[in-house]
Amino acid sequence: MKGKVYLIGAGPGDYGLITLKGMQLIETAEVLVYDRLINENLIYRTPAHCEKIYVGKQAANHAMPQDRINETLYQKALEGKNVVRLKGGDPYVFGRGGEEGIYLVERGIDVEVVPGITSSIAGPCYAGIPVTHRDWASSFHVFTGNFKDEVRGLNFENIASLEGTLVFLMGFGNLSYITKGLIGAGKDASTPVAVISSATTRRQKTAVGTLADIEKVVEEQQLKPPAISLVGDVVRCREYLNFFENRGKKSVLILRDARQSDIFAKKLIQADFDPVVCPIIEIEQREASPELLAAVKGVADYSWIVFTSPNGVKSFFELYRKSGGDLRALGHVRFAVIGKATGEILSEIGFKPDFIPEKQVSDALAEGLKPLLGAEDRVMVPRSAIANNRLIDILEEICPVDDIKIYDTRIRTENESHLRALLANDEIDYVPFTSASTVEGLVRALNGDIECLKKVKTVAIGPITEKKMLKLGITPDLRAADHSLEGVIEAMKGESESNDD
């Protein structure tokens, strides 16, 4: 049976500009074929089993020629795979999506297209420039500036006569050709021009000038490709509408499993921080061995189930469903959770926590549970295989406790280059460690070279995490008073506001 190919527009760079439908398809992809400049956060959202194929192109350097990209999509679909072709911006706006789609359809492959937000609109928007305005432009025109020679170039006589806004994509290297061509064709040399580098990303930088001097301004401000060039009176709006580059948001590195970063990212956005995802740990549910299945199936024999993380909740109930378990059989069971986030996941499944400690640490969870337990109780603790045993030791003083190793925490070292680039290029302000495993993961991903952390503020979520940080040579700059994601955010907000003062 043949598979299907989805041509998906990833938007211009900002992780949040992907469509909901596009994200849903990425999260179920069996094969991901992706371009250069795709936000890493989107790539991390693929399933663990997804095959990732990079086919990015830049000037004079194509990771894979277009004919091979077409054939790769075809062959993967022939294997019966669900293939996501992830393209920057919109698939059909100078993205060769039409070529790829026709190639596949002619060979009997089912194709579906998910539109994306094109940089021709989003880039100017993030630079504070509307492409249309009733006073200055009633139309806008988009051109590719990426061509090999003037024979295949632009018809400047036609273009210069247009009254609307002119947008040139992929034309950074041809900026001189474009400006001189427009002036030569009669466009006023004083016409405002904006060149937007790395639009909608944390690195966005905009140079403003005129057709006569924009080359000099770009050189002085040291702009680099990729860049969008915009010509027209609407550039004057930037003085009023430049919301993005003036926002002054602090960026926060999220090191958690990519599939579980959303909760933290949403909380950071609400607190006016800019989340940057670079997973260095990955949560893997353990194989359903006969012993593990037997423990889960026998859940009716327990009076309490204790969850020490959202991962424990998700892994337990996923395995419980696979084993044929009926949620009604858990009606007598009481639940204890380590914190609010874990409690929220449990509530989504349909169970309200019976106990949450005031402090989100395992010792507080254990000590708080002790008065609620008796010798006749039996406790199950589904948790990570690398969790420490102090919680179990404390509870076993009261009653029998079964420590169920239900998932593994794997260190991801393959993201080292991305991690180093983020830290080296001053793109990160805060690095919060939300577990001891994120500390170990980052140090291992950097091969023990933590010198780059001196440029950022590090945050410890709690005492166990801080202990691991100190052991590995990282002294936390900030400590969360409340050992939770909210506590981490409050610590960063307090530090950020004191610096502003």
Protein backbone atom coordinates (compact mmCIF):
# COMPACT_ATOMS: atom_id res chain seq x y z
CA MET A 1 0.00 0.00 0.00
CA LYS A 2 1.36 3.40 -1.00
CA GLY A 3 1.88 6.12 1.57
CA LYS A 4 1.00 9.77 1.37
CA VAL A 5 3.08 12.95 1.09
CA TYR A 6 2.12 16.14 2.89
CA LEU A 7 3.67 19.35 1.54
CA ILE A 8 3.66 21.56 4.62
CA GLY A 9 4.63 25.21 4.93
CA ALA A 10 6.62 25.73 8.14
CA GLY A 11 6.34 29.51 8.08
CA PRO A 12 9.23 31.98 8.00
CA GLY A 13 11.13 31.01 11.15
CA ASP A 14 9.15 31.79 14.28
CA TYR A 15 8.18 28.44 15.83
CA GLY A 16 4.72 29.78 16.70
CA LEU A 17 3.82 30.55 13.08
CA ILE A 18 3.27 26.93 12.05
CA THR A 19 -0.40 26.11 11.44
CA LEU A 20 -2.24 23.80 13.82
CA LYS A 21 -2.82 21.29 11.02
CA GLY A 22 0.84 21.40 10.06
CA MET A 23 1.91 20.68 13.65
CA GLN A 24 -0.50 17.76 13.96
CA LEU A 25 0.94 16.16 10.85
CA ILE A 26 4.54 16.72 12.00
CA GLU A 27 3.73 14.97 15.27
CA THR A 28 2.57 11.85 13.40
CA ALA A 29 5.19 11.78 10.61
CA GLU A 30 7.00 8.55 9.80
CA VAL A 31 9.44 10.37 7.49
CA LEU A 32 10.39 14.06 7.70
CA VAL A 33 12.08 15.63 4.67
CA TYR A 34 13.03 19.16 5.64
CA ASP A 35 14.73 22.27 4.28
CA ARG A 36 17.37 24.63 5.59
CA LEU A 37 16.17 27.36 7.96
CA ILE A 38 13.38 25.21 9.41
CA ASN A 39 12.96 26.01 13.10
CA GLU A 40 14.62 23.23 15.11
CA ASN A 41 11.66 23.15 17.50
CA LEU A 42 9.49 21.76 14.70
CA ILE A 43 11.96 19.00 13.87
CA TYR A 44 12.03 17.97 17.54
CA ARG A 45 8.25 17.51 17.51
CA THR A 46 8.41 14.44 15.29
CA PRO A 47 7.88 11.00 16.88
CA ALA A 48 10.94 9.17 18.17
CA HIS A 49 10.71 6.60 15.34
CA CYS A 50 10.51 9.24 12.57
CA GLU A 51 13.21 9.10 9.89
CA LYS A 52 14.64 12.59 9.33
CA ILE A 53 16.16 13.54 5.97
CA TYR A 54 17.82 16.95 5.51
CA VAL A 55 17.66 18.35 1.98
CA GLY A 56 18.46 22.01 2.61
CA LYS A 57 19.71 24.33 -0.09
CA GLN A 58 21.73 27.52 -0.01
CA ALA A 59 23.72 29.39 -2.62
CA ALA A 60 26.13 27.01 -4.39
CA ASN A 61 25.60 24.37 -1.71
CA HIS A 62 22.73 21.92 -2.14
CA ALA A 63 22.56 19.10 0.39
CA MET A 64 20.45 17.23 -2.17
CA PRO A 65 19.60 18.23 -5.78
CA GLN A 66 15.93 18.79 -6.55
CA ASP A 67 15.57 15.69 -8.72
CA ARG A 68 16.85 13.53 -5.87
CA ILE A 69 14.47 15.24 -3.42
CA ASN A 70 11.58 14.37 -5.73
CA GLU A 71 12.73 10.77 -6.00
CA THR A 72 13.28 10.48 -2.24
CA LEU A 73 9.71 11.60 -1.54
CA TYR A 74 8.45 9.11 -4.11
CA GLN A 75 10.45 6.15 -2.77
CA LYS A 76 9.47 6.82 0.86
CA ALA A 77 5.81 7.00 -0.14
CA LEU A 78 6.19 3.71 -2.05
CA GLU A 79 7.32 2.15 1.24
CA GLY A 80 3.88 2.97 2.60
CA LYS A 81 5.19 5.75 4.83
CA ASN A 82 3.41 8.87 6.05
CA VAL A 83 5.83 11.47 4.63
CA VAL A 84 5.98 15.11 5.70
CA ARG A 85 7.82 17.43 3.33
CA LEU A 86 8.48 20.47 5.51
CA LYS A 87 9.30 23.64 3.57
CA GLY A 88 10.10 27.15 4.74
CA GLY A 89 7.34 29.74 4.34
CA ASP A 90 4.59 28.47 2.04
CA PRO A 91 5.18 25.43 -0.20
CA TYR A 92 3.97 27.23 -3.33
CA VAL A 93 5.68 30.63 -2.90
CA PHE A 94 9.07 30.15 -4.58
CA GLY A 95 9.31 26.84 -2.75
CA ARG A 96 9.17 24.32 -5.61
CA GLY A 97 6.21 22.70 -3.89
CA GLY A 98 4.34 22.66 -7.17
CA GLU A 99 7.17 20.79 -8.88
CA GLU A 100 7.34 18.20 -6.12
CA GLY A 101 3.58 17.76 -6.00
CA ILE A 102 3.23 17.23 -9.75
CA TYR A 103 6.15 14.77 -9.79
CA LEU A 104 4.44 12.67 -7.13
CA VAL A 105 0.90 12.83 -8.51
CA GLU A 106 2.13 11.79 -11.98
CA ARG A 107 3.54 8.66 -10.32
CA GLY A 108 0.37 7.81 -8.45
CA ILE A 109 1.25 9.20 -5.03
CA ASP A 110 -1.45 10.91 -2.98
CA VAL A 111 -0.44 14.48 -2.08
CA GLU A 112 -1.96 16.97 0.35
CA VAL A 113 -0.79 20.55 0.81
CA VAL A 114 -0.89 22.51 4.06
CA PRO A 115 -0.34 26.24 3.42
CA GLY A 116 2.26 28.15 5.40
CA ILE A 117 2.76 31.80 6.29
CA THR A 118 5.05 33.25 3.63
CA SER A 119 8.01 35.38 4.65
CA SER A 120 6.97 37.95 2.03
CA ILE A 121 4.22 39.05 4.43
CA ALA A 122 5.44 37.87 7.83
CA GLY A 123 8.96 39.29 7.48
CA PRO A 124 7.82 42.87 6.88
CA CYS A 125 5.14 42.45 9.55
CA TYR A 126 7.74 41.49 12.18
CA ALA A 127 9.82 44.47 11.05
CA GLY A 128 6.90 46.82 11.68
CA ILE A 129 6.00 47.26 8.01
CA PRO A 130 2.54 46.44 6.62
CA VAL A 131 2.83 45.49 2.95
CA THR A 132 -0.33 47.48 2.21
CA HIS A 133 -1.62 50.75 3.70
CA ARG A 134 -4.50 52.91 2.45
CA ASP A 135 -2.28 56.01 2.31
CA TRP A 136 0.73 54.45 0.57
CA ALA A 137 0.11 51.09 -1.13
CA SER A 138 -3.04 49.34 -2.32
CA SER A 139 -1.13 46.31 -3.64
CA PHE A 140 2.07 44.36 -3.11
CA HIS A 141 4.17 42.36 -5.55
CA VAL A 142 6.50 39.51 -4.69
CA PHE A 143 9.58 38.59 -6.77
CA THR A 144 12.39 36.13 -6.42
CA GLY A 145 15.80 37.77 -6.29
CA ASN A 146 17.59 34.46 -6.65
CA PHE A 147 18.78 33.99 -10.22
CA LYS A 148 22.03 33.12 -11.96
CA ASP A 149 22.33 35.92 -14.49
CA GLU A 150 20.62 39.04 -15.77
CA VAL A 151 19.12 37.19 -18.71
CA ARG A 152 16.98 35.24 -16.25
CA GLY A 153 16.63 38.29 -14.01
CA LEU A 154 13.98 40.94 -13.53
CA ASN A 155 12.14 43.17 -15.97
CA PHE A 156 12.83 46.42 -14.16
CA GLU A 157 10.89 48.61 -16.58
CA ASN A 158 7.70 46.75 -15.69
CA ILE A 159 8.50 46.48 -12.00
CA ALA A 160 9.46 50.16 -11.56
CA SER A 161 6.10 51.23 -12.99
CA LEU A 162 4.15 49.33 -10.32
CA GLU A 163 2.61 51.55 -7.64
CA GLY A 164 2.43 48.98 -4.85
CA THR A 165 5.01 47.62 -2.40
CA LEU A 166 7.80 45.56 -3.96
CA VAL A 167 9.04 42.50 -2.05
CA PHE A 168 12.16 40.61 -3.13
CA LEU A 169 12.82 37.20 -1.60
CA MET A 170 16.19 35.44 -1.59
CA GLY A 171 17.85 38.45 -3.18
CA PHE A 172 20.47 39.49 -0.63
CA GLY A 173 23.36 38.70 -2.95
CA ASN A 174 21.67 40.63 -5.76
CA LEU A 175 20.78 43.73 -3.75
CA SER A 176 23.02 45.99 -5.84
CA TYR A 177 21.54 44.62 -9.08
CA ILE A 178 18.00 45.21 -7.77
CA THR A 179 18.51 48.77 -6.51
CA LYS A 180 20.46 49.92 -9.56
CA GLY A 181 17.96 48.24 -11.86
CA LEU A 182 15.01 50.02 -10.25
CA ILE A 183 16.73 53.42 -10.29
CA GLY A 184 17.81 52.88 -13.89
CA ALA A 185 14.22 52.10 -14.84
CA GLY A 186 12.98 55.38 -13.36
CA LYS A 187 12.19 54.55 -9.74
CA ASP A 188 12.93 57.54 -7.49
CA ALA A 189 16.28 57.00 -5.76
CA SER A 190 14.80 58.38 -2.52
CA THR A 191 12.18 55.58 -2.33
CA PRO A 192 12.34 53.96 1.14
CA VAL A 193 13.86 50.48 1.35
CA ALA A 194 14.09 47.96 4.20
CA VAL A 195 16.25 44.86 4.27
CA ILE A 196 15.15 42.33 6.90
CA SER A 197 17.68 39.69 7.92
CA SER A 198 16.59 36.38 9.54
CA ALA A 199 12.99 37.53 9.65
CA THR A 200 10.78 36.42 12.58
CA THR A 201 13.69 34.74 14.40
CA ARG A 202 15.60 35.83 17.49
CA ARG A 203 18.37 37.05 15.13
CA GLN A 204 16.11 39.39 13.15
CA LYS A 205 17.76 42.67 12.23
CA THR A 206 16.45 45.36 9.88
CA ALA A 207 18.31 48.03 7.92
CA VAL A 208 16.36 51.00 6.57
CA GLY A 209 17.48 53.41 3.85
CA THR A 210 16.64 54.39 0.30
CA LEU A 211 17.32 52.87 -3.10
CA ALA A 212 20.35 55.16 -3.28
CA ASP A 213 22.00 54.21 0.01
CA ILE A 214 20.58 50.88 1.29
CA GLU A 215 23.67 48.92 0.20
CA LYS A 216 25.86 51.12 2.38
CA VAL A 217 23.47 50.86 5.34
CA VAL A 218 23.33 47.06 5.05
CA GLU A 219 27.11 46.87 4.99
CA GLU A 220 27.46 49.21 7.98
CA GLN A 221 24.97 47.20 10.03
CA GLN A 222 26.62 43.93 8.94
CA LEU A 223 23.42 42.22 7.87
CA LYS A 224 23.67 38.67 6.61
CA PRO A 225 21.43 36.38 4.53
CA PRO A 226 18.78 35.09 4.50
CA ALA A 227 17.12 38.45 3.97
CA ILE A 228 14.03 40.06 2.46
CA SER A 229 14.20 43.38 0.61
CA LEU A 230 11.17 45.66 0.67
CA VAL A 231 10.73 48.77 -1.50
CA GLY A 232 7.98 51.34 -0.97
CA ASP A 233 6.57 54.12 1.18
CA VAL A 234 5.10 51.60 3.66
CA VAL A 235 8.61 51.33 5.13
CA ARG A 236 7.80 54.59 6.96
CA CYS A 237 5.37 52.66 9.20
CA ARG A 238 8.30 50.94 10.92
CA GLU A 239 8.82 54.03 13.07
CA TYR A 240 5.48 53.25 14.76
CA LEU A 241 4.93 49.50 14.40
CA ASN A 242 8.29 47.88 15.17
CA PHE A 243 6.95 45.61 17.93
CA PHE A 244 9.28 42.65 17.47
CA GLU A 245 12.79 44.05 17.52
CA ASN A 246 11.92 46.48 20.33
CA ARG A 247 10.29 43.91 22.60
CA GLY A 248 13.41 43.10 24.65
CA LYS A 249 12.24 39.58 25.57
CA LYS A 250 14.65 37.30 27.39
CA SER A 251 15.19 33.86 25.85
CA VAL A 252 14.97 30.68 27.92
CA LEU A 253 16.47 27.35 26.90
CA ILE A 254 14.21 24.31 27.38
CA LEU A 255 16.21 21.12 27.77
CA ARG A 256 13.33 18.72 28.43
CA ASP A 257 12.03 15.99 26.14
CA ALA A 258 10.76 17.68 22.97
CA ARG A 259 7.33 16.09 23.23
CA GLN A 260 6.93 17.45 26.75
CA SER A 261 8.26 20.95 26.26
CA ASP A 262 4.93 22.54 25.40
CA ILE A 263 3.75 23.00 28.99
CA PHE A 264 6.90 24.89 29.95
CA ALA A 265 6.96 26.83 26.66
CA LYS A 266 3.37 28.03 27.12
CA LYS A 267 4.06 29.16 30.67
CA LEU A 268 7.17 31.06 29.47
CA ILE A 269 5.25 32.80 26.69
CA GLN A 270 2.55 33.85 29.17
CA ALA A 271 5.29 35.31 31.37
CA ASP A 272 6.72 37.25 28.37
CA PHE A 273 9.79 35.07 27.86
CA ASP A 274 10.94 33.60 24.55
CA PRO A 275 11.22 29.77 24.78
CA VAL A 276 13.97 28.02 22.81
CA VAL A 277 13.74 24.22 22.65
CA CYS A 278 16.87 22.09 22.47
CA PRO A 279 16.14 18.68 24.02
CA ILE A 280 19.03 16.90 25.67
CA ILE A 281 16.92 14.18 27.29
CA GLU A 282 14.34 11.87 25.81
CA ILE A 283 11.69 9.92 27.67
CA GLU A 284 11.25 6.33 26.47
CA GLN A 285 8.54 4.09 27.84
CA ARG A 286 9.93 0.72 28.76
CA GLU A 287 9.03 -2.32 26.73
CA ALA A 288 5.95 -4.02 28.12
CA SER A 289 7.72 -7.03 29.65
CA PRO A 290 5.62 -9.75 31.35
CA GLU A 291 6.84 -8.52 34.74
CA LEU A 292 5.91 -4.90 34.04
CA LEU A 293 2.52 -5.86 32.60
CA ALA A 294 1.81 -8.05 35.61
CA ALA A 295 2.53 -5.16 37.97
CA VAL A 296 0.25 -2.81 36.04
CA LYS A 297 -2.53 -5.38 35.68
CA GLY A 298 -2.41 -5.99 39.42
CA VAL A 299 -3.09 -2.36 40.22
CA ALA A 300 -6.32 -3.28 42.03
CA ASP A 301 -4.17 -4.68 44.84
CA TYR A 302 -2.80 -1.22 45.67
CA SER A 303 -4.36 1.43 47.89
CA TRP A 304 -2.11 4.29 46.73
CA ILE A 305 -0.34 5.16 43.48
CA VAL A 306 2.37 7.81 43.79
CA PHE A 307 3.45 9.81 40.73
CA THR A 308 6.70 11.79 40.86
CA SER A 309 6.43 13.34 37.38
CA PRO A 310 4.01 13.92 34.49
CA ASN A 311 6.00 11.30 32.57
CA GLY A 312 5.12 8.70 35.18
CA VAL A 313 1.41 9.48 34.82
CA LYS A 314 1.48 9.31 31.02
CA SER A 315 3.58 6.15 30.87
CA PHE A 316 1.52 4.33 33.50
CA PHE A 317 -1.86 4.98 31.94
CA GLU A 318 -0.60 4.27 28.42
CA LEU A 319 0.67 0.90 29.59
CA TYR A 320 -2.50 0.33 31.61
CA ARG A 321 -4.64 0.81 28.51
CA LYS A 322 -2.40 -1.49 26.45
CA SER A 323 -2.80 -4.19 29.10
CA GLY A 324 -6.58 -3.95 28.74
CA GLY A 325 -7.08 -2.16 32.04
CA ASP A 326 -10.43 -0.59 32.94
CA LEU A 327 -10.27 2.82 34.66
CA ARG A 328 -13.29 1.85 36.75
CA ALA A 329 -11.12 -0.73 38.49
CA LEU A 330 -9.13 2.15 40.01
CA GLY A 331 -12.09 3.65 41.83
CA HIS A 332 -10.75 2.63 45.25
CA VAL A 333 -7.17 3.81 44.59
CA ARG A 334 -5.89 7.09 46.07
CA PHE A 335 -3.36 9.17 44.19
CA ALA A 336 -0.44 11.27 45.39
CA VAL A 337 1.50 13.56 43.03
CA ILE A 338 4.68 15.52 43.50
CA GLY A 339 3.37 18.84 42.17
CA LYS A 340 0.72 20.80 40.31
CA ALA A 341 1.95 19.94 36.81
CA THR A 342 1.78 16.21 37.57
CA GLY A 343 -1.63 16.72 39.14
CA GLU A 344 -2.89 18.49 36.02
CA ILE A 345 -1.92 15.55 33.82
CA LEU A 346 -3.64 13.14 36.22
CA SER A 347 -6.78 15.30 36.19
CA GLU A 348 -6.84 15.23 32.38
CA ILE A 349 -7.12 11.45 32.59
CA GLY A 350 -10.03 11.75 35.02
CA PHE A 351 -8.55 11.37 38.51
CA LYS A 352 -8.20 14.09 41.11
CA PRO A 353 -5.03 13.93 43.26
CA ASP A 354 -5.68 13.03 46.90
CA PHE A 355 -2.39 14.52 48.08
CA ILE A 356 0.00 17.18 46.76
CA PRO A 357 2.86 18.37 49.02
CA GLU A 358 3.47 22.06 49.56
CA LYS A 359 7.00 21.72 48.20
CA GLN A 360 7.63 19.91 44.91
CA VAL A 361 10.41 17.62 46.14
CA SER A 362 10.36 13.87 46.78
CA ASP A 363 11.22 14.23 50.47
CA ALA A 364 8.20 16.50 51.02
CA LEU A 365 6.03 14.03 49.10
CA ALA A 366 7.22 11.13 51.23
CA GLU A 367 6.98 12.94 54.59
CA GLY A 368 3.54 14.28 53.75
CA LEU A 369 2.27 10.82 52.82
CA LYS A 370 3.53 9.08 55.96
CA PRO A 371 0.63 10.20 58.22
CA LEU A 372 -1.86 9.04 55.56
CA LEU A 373 -0.49 5.49 55.34
CA GLY A 374 -0.92 2.46 57.54
CA ALA A 375 0.68 -0.96 57.70
CA GLU A 376 -2.24 -2.41 55.73
CA ASP A 377 -1.63 -0.13 52.75
CA ARG A 378 0.28 -1.06 49.63
CA VAL A 379 1.87 1.61 47.45
CA MET A 380 2.89 1.62 43.79
CA VAL A 381 5.40 4.21 42.52
CA PRO A 382 5.61 4.20 38.66
CA ARG A 383 8.63 6.33 37.79
CA SER A 384 11.92 6.75 35.95
CA ALA A 385 14.51 4.01 36.04
CA ILE A 386 17.12 6.53 37.22
CA ALA A 387 15.12 7.99 40.14
CA ASN A 388 16.79 7.90 43.56
CA ASN A 389 15.50 5.59 46.28
CA ARG A 390 15.03 7.99 49.19
CA LEU A 391 11.28 8.26 48.53
CA ILE A 392 10.94 4.48 48.56
CA ASP A 393 13.05 4.13 51.72
CA ILE A 394 10.87 6.60 53.63
CA LEU A 395 7.56 5.02 52.58
CA GLU A 396 8.76 1.48 53.26
CA GLU A 397 9.05 2.40 56.93
CA ILE A 398 5.24 2.37 56.96
CA CYS A 399 4.03 -0.23 54.45
CA PRO A 400 5.00 -2.34 51.39
CA VAL A 401 6.08 -0.25 48.37
CA ASP A 402 6.59 -1.45 44.79
CA ASP A 403 9.01 0.69 42.78
CA ILE A 404 7.90 0.24 39.16
CA LYS A 405 10.55 1.33 36.64
CA ILE A 406 8.15 2.32 33.90
CA TYR A 407 10.22 4.61 31.67
CA ASP A 408 13.83 5.44 30.86
CA THR A 409 15.44 8.84 30.54
CA ARG A 410 17.88 8.81 27.63
CA ILE A 411 20.54 11.47 27.21
CA ARG A 412 20.53 13.03 23.71
CA THR A 413 24.02 14.08 22.69
CA GLU A 414 23.21 14.46 18.97
CA ASN A 415 22.05 18.05 19.53
CA GLU A 416 25.51 19.22 20.62
CA SER A 417 26.12 21.48 17.60
CA HIS A 418 22.76 23.21 17.96
CA LEU A 419 23.26 23.61 21.70
CA ARG A 420 26.74 25.08 21.28
CA ALA A 421 25.55 27.47 18.56
CA LEU A 422 22.75 28.79 20.77
CA LEU A 423 25.09 29.39 23.70
CA ALA A 424 28.01 30.73 21.64
CA ASN A 425 25.92 33.19 19.62
CA ASP A 426 24.42 34.91 22.68
CA GLU A 427 20.95 33.68 21.77
CA ILE A 428 20.14 32.44 25.28
CA ASP A 429 19.67 34.46 28.48
CA TYR A 430 18.55 31.76 30.93
CA VAL A 431 19.21 28.03 31.22
CA PRO A 432 16.80 26.50 33.75
CA PHE A 433 17.50 22.96 34.91
CA THR A 434 14.17 21.34 35.72
CA SER A 435 15.57 17.97 36.78
CA ALA A 436 18.87 16.34 37.63
CA SER A 437 18.75 14.51 34.30
CA THR A 438 18.72 17.79 32.35
CA VAL A 439 21.92 18.79 34.15
CA GLU A 440 23.63 15.52 33.30
CA GLY A 441 22.28 15.66 29.75
CA LEU A 442 23.61 19.14 29.05
CA VAL A 443 27.07 18.39 30.49
CA ARG A 444 27.32 15.19 28.47
CA ALA A 445 26.05 16.90 25.31
CA LEU A 446 28.82 19.48 25.73
CA ASN A 447 31.42 16.80 26.48
CA GLY A 448 32.00 18.36 29.89
CA ASP A 449 32.91 21.76 28.41
CA ILE A 450 30.61 24.08 30.40
CA GLU A 451 32.61 27.26 29.84
CA CYS A 452 29.85 28.54 27.53
CA LEU A 453 27.43 28.66 30.48
CA LYS A 454 29.28 31.67 31.87
CA LYS A 455 27.39 33.88 29.42
CA VAL A 456 23.97 32.83 30.74
CA LYS A 457 22.06 32.70 34.01
CA THR A 458 21.50 29.15 35.26
CA VAL A 459 18.47 28.24 37.38
CA ALA A 460 17.92 25.25 39.71
CA ILE A 461 14.36 24.04 40.18
CA GLY A 462 15.09 22.35 43.51
CA PRO A 463 17.71 20.95 45.91
CA ILE A 464 18.24 17.63 44.13
CA THR A 465 18.82 19.41 40.83
CA GLU A 466 21.10 21.95 42.51
CA LYS A 467 23.12 19.16 44.09
CA LYS A 468 23.65 17.60 40.66
CA MET A 469 24.62 20.99 39.20
CA LEU A 470 27.25 21.59 41.88
CA LYS A 471 28.60 18.07 41.48
CA LEU A 472 29.13 18.69 37.75
CA GLY A 473 30.71 22.11 38.23
CA ILE A 474 27.73 24.41 37.65
CA THR A 475 26.91 26.93 40.36
CA PRO A 476 23.30 28.07 39.95
CA ASP A 477 22.79 31.81 39.56
CA LEU A 478 19.15 31.49 40.60
CA ARG A 479 17.14 29.07 42.72
CA ALA A 480 13.40 28.54 42.57
CA ALA A 481 11.75 29.23 45.92
CA ASP A 482 8.81 27.09 44.80
CA HIS A 483 10.23 23.90 43.31
CA SER A 484 8.08 23.97 40.18
CA LEU A 485 8.06 25.40 36.67
CA GLU A 486 6.17 28.39 38.05
CA GLY A 487 8.88 28.81 40.67
CA VAL A 488 11.59 28.77 37.99
CA ILE A 489 9.73 31.44 36.02
CA GLU A 490 9.27 33.59 39.13
CA ALA A 491 13.01 33.39 39.86
CA MET A 492 13.84 34.54 36.32
CA LYS A 493 11.23 37.29 36.39
CA GLY A 494 12.58 38.61 39.67
CA GLU A 495 16.14 38.68 38.35
CA SER A 496 15.11 40.22 35.04
CA GLU A 497 13.05 42.97 36.70
CA SER A 498 15.84 43.83 39.14
CA ASN A 499 18.24 44.25 36.19
CA ASP A 500 15.76 46.53 34.44
CA ASP A 501 15.63 48.73 37.52
